Amino acid sequence: MTDAATRHSAPRILVVDDSSLVRLYYRDALEPAGFEVDQAINGIEALEKVLAKPFDLIIVDINMPRMDGFSFLRVLRAQASDASSIPVVVISTEAGPQDIEDARAAGANYYLVKPVSETALRDHAAVLAGRAA
């Protein structure tokens, strides 16, 4: 369990996606499973949130305005703080082998291709946020 999880009863997840429908879908899947979900619409907003409070997991899209998911990951991983070690799942419509390799090179812990089922989302979140049964 991460330090953030020991300070809070519910694991905190930051969902970073420019689509309000995708953010809503992830929130509606994760909150009933006991996760606290915060949201950001791009990498810049996500960095501000990550530096302001602890998260146990970040779920991020690749294609977003202002700062894409890969740029966000590179900046996050370069931080000299606890935030640099937060597990990150990239969930994107991009499904090529190079996309997956680029995500790993940027610092992603796991890669899923949209659409993702609610069950898969909850299961991956539980494992990566340190709350697996």
Protein backbone atom coordinates (compact mmCIF):
# COMPACT_ATOMS: atom_id res chain seq x y z
CA MET A 1 0.00 0.00 0.00
CA THR A 2 1.35 3.44 -0.84
CA ASP A 3 1.86 6.19 1.71
CA ALA A 4 -1.16 8.02 0.32
CA ALA A 5 -3.32 4.95 0.89
CA THR A 6 -2.30 4.78 4.54
CA ARG A 7 -3.37 8.41 5.05
CA HIS A 8 -6.79 7.98 3.44
CA SER A 9 -9.43 5.31 3.82
CA ALA A 10 -10.20 5.20 0.09
CA PRO A 11 -7.43 4.95 -2.51
CA ARG A 12 -7.19 8.17 -4.52
CA ILE A 13 -7.17 7.94 -8.30
CA LEU A 14 -6.54 10.82 -10.68
CA VAL A 15 -8.23 10.38 -14.07
CA VAL A 16 -6.65 12.51 -16.80
CA ASP A 17 -8.62 12.65 -20.05
CA ASP A 18 -9.97 15.51 -22.15
CA SER A 19 -13.27 13.68 -22.74
CA SER A 20 -15.86 14.44 -20.08
CA LEU A 21 -17.73 11.24 -21.01
CA VAL A 22 -14.64 9.11 -20.46
CA ARG A 23 -13.95 10.78 -17.10
CA LEU A 24 -17.56 10.19 -16.07
CA TYR A 25 -17.42 6.53 -17.14
CA TYR A 26 -14.21 5.93 -15.14
CA ARG A 27 -15.59 7.75 -12.09
CA ASP A 28 -18.88 5.82 -12.24
CA ALA A 29 -16.94 2.55 -12.45
CA LEU A 30 -14.41 3.31 -9.72
CA GLU A 31 -16.29 5.20 -6.99
CA PRO A 32 -18.77 2.37 -6.21
CA ALA A 33 -15.74 0.08 -5.84
CA GLY A 34 -14.41 2.26 -3.03
CA PHE A 35 -12.04 4.60 -4.86
CA GLU A 36 -11.93 8.35 -4.47
CA VAL A 37 -11.71 9.84 -7.98
CA ASP A 38 -10.38 13.24 -8.96
CA GLN A 39 -10.22 14.48 -12.56
CA ALA A 40 -8.05 16.58 -14.85
CA ILE A 41 -8.62 17.52 -18.49
CA ASN A 42 -4.96 17.60 -19.57
CA GLY A 43 -1.42 16.99 -18.36
CA ILE A 44 -0.91 20.52 -17.05
CA GLU A 45 -3.95 20.35 -14.79
CA ALA A 46 -2.93 16.84 -13.73
CA LEU A 47 0.55 18.01 -12.69
CA GLU A 48 -0.98 20.79 -10.59
CA LYS A 49 -3.24 18.28 -8.82
CA VAL A 50 -0.48 15.72 -8.28
CA LEU A 51 1.77 18.33 -6.71
CA ALA A 52 -1.07 19.56 -4.45
CA LYS A 53 -2.18 16.24 -2.93
CA PRO A 54 -1.24 12.55 -2.90
CA PHE A 55 -2.70 9.96 -5.26
CA ASP A 56 -2.39 6.19 -5.24
CA LEU A 57 -2.87 5.78 -9.00
CA ILE A 58 -3.10 7.91 -12.13
CA ILE A 59 -5.08 6.90 -15.21
CA VAL A 60 -4.09 8.97 -18.24
CA ASP A 61 -5.01 9.26 -21.91
CA ILE A 62 -2.38 10.01 -24.57
CA ASN A 63 -4.11 12.49 -26.87
CA MET A 64 -5.05 15.65 -24.97
CA PRO A 65 -4.70 19.39 -25.60
CA ARG A 66 -2.06 21.59 -23.91
CA MET A 67 -0.04 18.63 -22.58
CA ASP A 68 -0.45 15.08 -23.86
CA GLY A 69 -0.14 11.94 -21.76
CA PHE A 70 3.44 11.13 -22.78
CA SER A 71 4.65 14.64 -21.90
CA PHE A 72 2.79 14.46 -18.61
CA LEU A 73 4.44 11.14 -17.78
CA ARG A 74 7.94 12.39 -18.60
CA VAL A 75 7.49 15.48 -16.39
CA LEU A 76 5.91 13.42 -13.59
CA ARG A 77 8.73 10.87 -13.59
CA ALA A 78 11.35 13.66 -13.55
CA GLN A 79 9.89 15.16 -10.34
CA ALA A 80 12.10 14.99 -7.26
CA SER A 81 9.17 14.07 -5.03
CA ASP A 82 6.94 11.18 -3.99
CA ALA A 83 4.74 11.98 -6.99
CA SER A 84 7.36 10.51 -9.33
CA SER A 85 6.64 7.00 -8.06
CA ILE A 86 2.83 7.00 -8.38
CA PRO A 87 1.71 4.06 -10.55
CA VAL A 88 0.33 5.19 -13.92
CA VAL A 89 -1.96 3.36 -16.32
CA VAL A 90 -2.24 4.72 -19.84
CA ILE A 91 -5.63 4.06 -21.42
CA SER A 92 -5.85 5.12 -25.06
CA THR A 93 -7.42 4.35 -28.41
CA GLU A 94 -3.88 4.12 -29.78
CA ALA A 95 -3.20 0.39 -30.00
CA GLY A 96 0.05 0.02 -31.92
CA PRO A 97 3.15 -1.63 -30.48
CA GLN A 98 5.03 1.66 -30.78
CA ASP A 99 2.37 3.44 -28.71
CA ILE A 100 2.78 0.89 -25.94
CA GLU A 101 6.57 1.14 -26.10
CA ASP A 102 6.41 4.95 -26.05
CA ALA A 103 4.16 4.83 -22.97
CA ARG A 104 6.55 2.51 -21.14
CA ALA A 105 9.53 4.65 -22.13
CA ALA A 106 7.73 7.72 -20.75
CA GLY A 107 7.15 5.92 -17.45
CA ALA A 108 3.79 4.11 -17.65
CA ASN A 109 3.37 1.04 -15.47
CA TYR A 110 0.61 -0.46 -17.59
CA TYR A 111 -1.18 0.14 -20.90
CA LEU A 112 -4.81 -0.57 -21.77
CA VAL A 113 -6.64 0.04 -25.04
CA LYS A 114 -10.04 1.77 -25.09
CA PRO A 115 -12.74 0.74 -24.65
CA VAL A 116 -12.00 -0.74 -21.22
CA SER A 117 -14.69 -2.65 -19.34
CA GLU A 118 -15.68 -1.50 -15.87
CA THR A 119 -14.46 -4.81 -14.45
CA ALA A 120 -11.04 -4.51 -16.08
CA LEU A 121 -10.76 -0.91 -14.94
CA ARG A 122 -11.62 -1.78 -11.33
CA ASP A 123 -9.34 -4.84 -11.30
CA HIS A 124 -6.31 -2.95 -12.64
CA ALA A 125 -6.98 -0.04 -10.30
CA ALA A 126 -7.17 -2.37 -7.30
CA VAL A 127 -3.86 -4.05 -8.13
CA LEU A 128 -1.94 -0.90 -9.02
CA ALA A 129 -3.33 1.18 -6.14
CA GLY A 130 -2.33 -1.55 -3.70
CA ARG A 131 -5.84 -2.67 -2.85
CA ALA A 132 -6.04 -6.07 -4.53
CA ALA A 133 -8.10 -8.65 -2.70
